[in-house]
N, C-alpha and C. Protein backbone atom coordinates (compact mmCIF):
# COMPACT_ATOMS: atom_id res chain seq x y z
N MET A 1 0.84 -1.16 0.00
CA MET A 1 0.00 0.00 0.00
C MET A 1 0.90 1.24 0.00
N THR A 2 0.67 2.14 -0.92
CA THR A 2 1.43 3.37 -0.97
C THR A 2 0.73 4.40 -0.09
N LEU A 3 1.43 4.89 0.89
CA LEU A 3 0.85 5.88 1.79
C LEU A 3 1.35 7.28 1.49
N PHE A 4 2.61 7.40 1.16
CA PHE A 4 3.23 8.71 1.11
C PHE A 4 3.31 9.34 -0.27
N GLY A 5 3.13 8.57 -1.33
CA GLY A 5 3.26 9.12 -2.67
C GLY A 5 4.70 9.50 -2.94
N GLU A 6 4.89 10.54 -3.74
CA GLU A 6 6.24 11.00 -4.07
C GLU A 6 6.81 11.81 -2.92
N VAL A 7 8.06 11.52 -2.55
CA VAL A 7 8.71 12.22 -1.44
C VAL A 7 10.05 12.77 -1.89
N VAL A 8 10.54 13.77 -1.16
CA VAL A 8 11.82 14.40 -1.43
C VAL A 8 12.79 13.99 -0.33
N LEU A 9 13.98 13.54 -0.72
CA LEU A 9 14.99 13.13 0.26
C LEU A 9 15.26 14.23 1.27
N GLY A 10 15.28 13.85 2.55
CA GLY A 10 15.61 14.77 3.62
C GLY A 10 14.47 15.66 4.08
N GLU A 11 13.36 15.69 3.34
CA GLU A 11 12.22 16.52 3.74
C GLU A 11 11.18 15.68 4.46
N GLU A 12 10.53 16.31 5.42
CA GLU A 12 9.50 15.65 6.22
C GLU A 12 8.20 15.59 5.43
N THR A 13 7.59 14.40 5.41
CA THR A 13 6.29 14.20 4.79
C THR A 13 5.35 13.66 5.87
N ASN A 14 4.20 14.31 6.03
CA ASN A 14 3.26 13.91 7.08
C ASN A 14 1.99 13.33 6.47
N LEU A 15 1.44 12.38 7.20
CA LEU A 15 0.21 11.72 6.78
C LEU A 15 -0.70 11.58 7.99
N ASN A 16 -1.96 11.92 7.82
CA ASN A 16 -2.96 11.69 8.86
C ASN A 16 -3.65 10.37 8.54
N LEU A 17 -3.41 9.38 9.38
CA LEU A 17 -3.96 8.04 9.19
C LEU A 17 -5.18 7.87 10.09
N LEU A 18 -6.32 7.55 9.50
CA LEU A 18 -7.56 7.40 10.25
C LEU A 18 -7.69 5.97 10.77
N ILE A 19 -7.84 5.84 12.08
CA ILE A 19 -8.05 4.54 12.74
C ILE A 19 -9.51 4.49 13.18
N ARG A 20 -10.23 3.48 12.73
CA ARG A 20 -11.65 3.37 13.05
C ARG A 20 -11.90 2.12 13.89
N ASN A 21 -12.73 2.28 14.91
CA ASN A 21 -13.16 1.17 15.76
C ASN A 21 -14.56 0.77 15.33
N GLU A 22 -14.67 -0.36 14.65
CA GLU A 22 -15.97 -0.85 14.18
C GLU A 22 -16.61 -1.80 15.18
N GLY A 23 -15.96 -1.99 16.32
CA GLY A 23 -16.49 -2.89 17.35
C GLY A 23 -17.49 -2.19 18.26
N ASN A 24 -17.91 -2.92 19.29
CA ASN A 24 -18.88 -2.36 20.24
C ASN A 24 -18.26 -2.15 21.62
N ALA A 25 -16.93 -2.18 21.70
CA ALA A 25 -16.22 -1.93 22.96
C ALA A 25 -15.05 -0.98 22.68
N LEU A 26 -14.57 -0.35 23.73
CA LEU A 26 -13.43 0.54 23.60
C LEU A 26 -12.23 -0.22 23.03
N LEU A 27 -11.55 0.37 22.05
CA LEU A 27 -10.34 -0.22 21.47
C LEU A 27 -9.14 0.50 22.06
N ASN A 28 -8.27 -0.25 22.73
CA ASN A 28 -7.05 0.31 23.31
C ASN A 28 -5.86 -0.13 22.48
N VAL A 29 -5.13 0.82 21.92
CA VAL A 29 -3.89 0.52 21.19
C VAL A 29 -2.76 0.75 22.18
N PHE A 30 -1.99 -0.29 22.43
CA PHE A 30 -0.91 -0.23 23.41
C PHE A 30 0.41 0.22 22.81
N ASN A 31 0.58 -0.01 21.51
CA ASN A 31 1.84 0.34 20.87
C ASN A 31 1.61 0.47 19.37
N ALA A 32 1.96 1.61 18.80
CA ALA A 32 1.92 1.82 17.36
C ALA A 32 3.36 2.09 16.93
N ILE A 33 3.89 1.20 16.08
CA ILE A 33 5.31 1.29 15.73
C ILE A 33 5.52 1.05 14.24
N SER A 34 6.68 1.50 13.77
CA SER A 34 7.13 1.23 12.40
C SER A 34 8.39 0.40 12.48
N ASP A 35 8.57 -0.49 11.50
CA ASP A 35 9.80 -1.27 11.45
C ASP A 35 10.91 -0.54 10.69
N ASN A 36 10.64 0.66 10.23
CA ASN A 36 11.60 1.47 9.48
C ASN A 36 11.83 2.77 10.25
N LEU A 37 13.06 3.04 10.62
CA LEU A 37 13.37 4.22 11.44
C LEU A 37 13.10 5.55 10.76
N GLN A 38 12.82 5.53 9.46
CA GLN A 38 12.48 6.76 8.75
C GLN A 38 11.05 7.20 9.02
N VAL A 39 10.27 6.32 9.64
CA VAL A 39 8.86 6.59 9.90
C VAL A 39 8.59 6.61 11.39
N ARG A 40 7.85 7.64 11.80
CA ARG A 40 7.44 7.77 13.21
C ARG A 40 5.93 7.84 13.28
N VAL A 41 5.37 7.25 14.33
CA VAL A 41 3.93 7.24 14.56
C VAL A 41 3.66 7.93 15.88
N ALA A 42 2.66 8.82 15.90
CA ALA A 42 2.30 9.50 17.15
C ALA A 42 0.78 9.71 17.17
N PRO A 43 0.14 9.45 18.28
CA PRO A 43 0.72 8.90 19.50
C PRO A 43 0.95 7.39 19.35
N LYS A 44 1.77 6.87 20.22
CA LYS A 44 2.06 5.43 20.20
C LYS A 44 1.00 4.63 20.95
N THR A 45 0.35 5.25 21.90
CA THR A 45 -0.75 4.61 22.64
C THR A 45 -1.97 5.53 22.57
N PHE A 46 -3.14 4.93 22.42
CA PHE A 46 -4.37 5.72 22.35
C PHE A 46 -5.57 4.78 22.47
N ALA A 47 -6.74 5.37 22.62
CA ALA A 47 -7.99 4.60 22.69
C ALA A 47 -8.97 5.19 21.68
N VAL A 48 -9.84 4.32 21.15
CA VAL A 48 -10.88 4.75 20.22
C VAL A 48 -12.21 4.18 20.70
N GLN A 49 -13.18 5.04 20.90
CA GLN A 49 -14.51 4.64 21.35
C GLN A 49 -15.20 3.78 20.28
N PRO A 50 -16.15 2.94 20.66
CA PRO A 50 -16.89 2.13 19.68
C PRO A 50 -17.54 3.02 18.62
N SER A 51 -17.50 2.58 17.37
CA SER A 51 -18.08 3.29 16.22
C SER A 51 -17.49 4.68 16.02
N ALA A 52 -16.29 4.90 16.52
CA ALA A 52 -15.64 6.20 16.38
C ALA A 52 -14.30 6.04 15.65
N SER A 53 -13.69 7.18 15.34
CA SER A 53 -12.41 7.20 14.65
C SER A 53 -11.44 8.12 15.36
N ARG A 54 -10.18 7.93 15.04
CA ARG A 54 -9.12 8.78 15.59
C ARG A 54 -8.03 8.92 14.53
N VAL A 55 -7.44 10.10 14.46
CA VAL A 55 -6.35 10.35 13.53
C VAL A 55 -5.02 10.09 14.24
N VAL A 56 -4.15 9.35 13.56
CA VAL A 56 -2.80 9.09 14.04
C VAL A 56 -1.85 9.77 13.06
N ASP A 57 -0.87 10.48 13.58
CA ASP A 57 0.10 11.17 12.73
C ASP A 57 1.24 10.23 12.37
N VAL A 58 1.50 10.11 11.07
CA VAL A 58 2.60 9.30 10.57
C VAL A 58 3.56 10.24 9.84
N GLN A 59 4.81 10.23 10.22
CA GLN A 59 5.80 11.14 9.66
C GLN A 59 6.92 10.35 9.00
N LEU A 60 7.26 10.73 7.78
CA LEU A 60 8.35 10.10 7.05
C LEU A 60 9.42 11.13 6.76
N ILE A 61 10.67 10.80 7.04
CA ILE A 61 11.81 11.59 6.61
C ILE A 61 12.67 10.64 5.78
N ALA A 62 12.60 10.80 4.45
CA ALA A 62 13.31 9.92 3.53
C ALA A 62 14.81 10.21 3.58
N LEU A 63 15.59 9.16 3.76
CA LEU A 63 17.05 9.28 3.82
C LEU A 63 17.68 8.62 2.60
N PRO A 64 18.83 9.15 2.15
CA PRO A 64 19.49 8.55 0.98
C PRO A 64 19.90 7.10 1.24
N ASN A 65 19.80 6.30 0.21
CA ASN A 65 20.23 4.90 0.24
C ASN A 65 19.49 4.05 1.27
N LYS A 66 18.28 4.43 1.61
CA LYS A 66 17.45 3.65 2.54
C LYS A 66 16.16 3.26 1.83
N ALA A 67 15.72 2.04 2.05
CA ALA A 67 14.49 1.55 1.43
C ALA A 67 13.28 2.34 1.94
N LEU A 68 12.38 2.68 1.03
CA LEU A 68 11.16 3.37 1.42
C LEU A 68 10.00 2.38 1.45
N THR A 69 10.17 1.34 2.24
CA THR A 69 9.11 0.36 2.46
C THR A 69 9.16 -0.06 3.91
N GLY A 70 8.07 -0.61 4.38
CA GLY A 70 8.05 -1.10 5.75
C GLY A 70 6.66 -1.48 6.18
N GLU A 71 6.50 -1.60 7.49
CA GLU A 71 5.21 -1.95 8.06
C GLU A 71 4.94 -1.10 9.29
N LEU A 72 3.68 -0.70 9.44
CA LEU A 72 3.20 -0.11 10.67
C LEU A 72 2.47 -1.21 11.41
N THR A 73 2.75 -1.35 12.70
CA THR A 73 2.09 -2.37 13.52
C THR A 73 1.36 -1.69 14.67
N PHE A 74 0.11 -2.08 14.84
CA PHE A 74 -0.72 -1.56 15.92
C PHE A 74 -1.07 -2.72 16.83
N ASN A 75 -0.51 -2.74 18.04
CA ASN A 75 -0.80 -3.77 19.04
C ASN A 75 -1.94 -3.27 19.92
N SER A 76 -2.99 -4.06 20.03
CA SER A 76 -4.19 -3.59 20.73
C SER A 76 -4.89 -4.73 21.47
N ASP A 77 -6.00 -4.38 22.09
CA ASP A 77 -6.82 -5.38 22.76
C ASP A 77 -7.97 -5.88 21.88
N ASP A 78 -7.87 -5.66 20.57
CA ASP A 78 -8.87 -6.16 19.63
C ASP A 78 -8.86 -7.68 19.68
N PRO A 79 -9.98 -8.32 20.04
CA PRO A 79 -9.99 -9.78 20.17
C PRO A 79 -9.82 -10.51 18.83
N ASN A 80 -10.15 -9.87 17.71
CA ASN A 80 -10.04 -10.50 16.40
C ASN A 80 -8.72 -10.22 15.69
N ASN A 81 -8.09 -9.10 16.01
CA ASN A 81 -6.86 -8.72 15.31
C ASN A 81 -5.97 -7.90 16.26
N PRO A 82 -5.38 -8.53 17.26
CA PRO A 82 -4.61 -7.78 18.26
C PRO A 82 -3.29 -7.20 17.75
N ASN A 83 -2.78 -7.70 16.63
CA ASN A 83 -1.53 -7.19 16.06
C ASN A 83 -1.77 -6.85 14.59
N PHE A 84 -2.39 -5.72 14.37
CA PHE A 84 -2.73 -5.30 13.01
C PHE A 84 -1.47 -4.76 12.34
N VAL A 85 -1.10 -5.34 11.18
CA VAL A 85 0.09 -4.93 10.45
C VAL A 85 -0.34 -4.32 9.12
N MET A 86 0.18 -3.12 8.85
CA MET A 86 -0.16 -2.41 7.62
C MET A 86 1.11 -2.13 6.84
N PRO A 87 1.35 -2.80 5.69
CA PRO A 87 2.52 -2.51 4.89
C PRO A 87 2.41 -1.13 4.25
N TRP A 88 3.54 -0.49 4.02
CA TRP A 88 3.55 0.82 3.35
C TRP A 88 4.74 0.88 2.41
N SER A 89 4.64 1.79 1.47
CA SER A 89 5.76 2.05 0.57
C SER A 89 5.65 3.47 0.06
């Protein structure tokens, strides 16, 4: 999945990622992380009310000679998908 589109080396690119809770209980995210150090996720912990959404800030700073691919992982108390992994490029 392409999240960032075209980027410029060394410049910060920001993305507002919408997280939606389609369940009927509070969704607690305990850790939101990227496997690529060029990408930061904030906040790392948060909660989303049932049938509600929340914006998570994802920031990319592209560095020379580094792959622009990776995964965002959201660890939560979701009984069906406690470790949601989202590939990006």
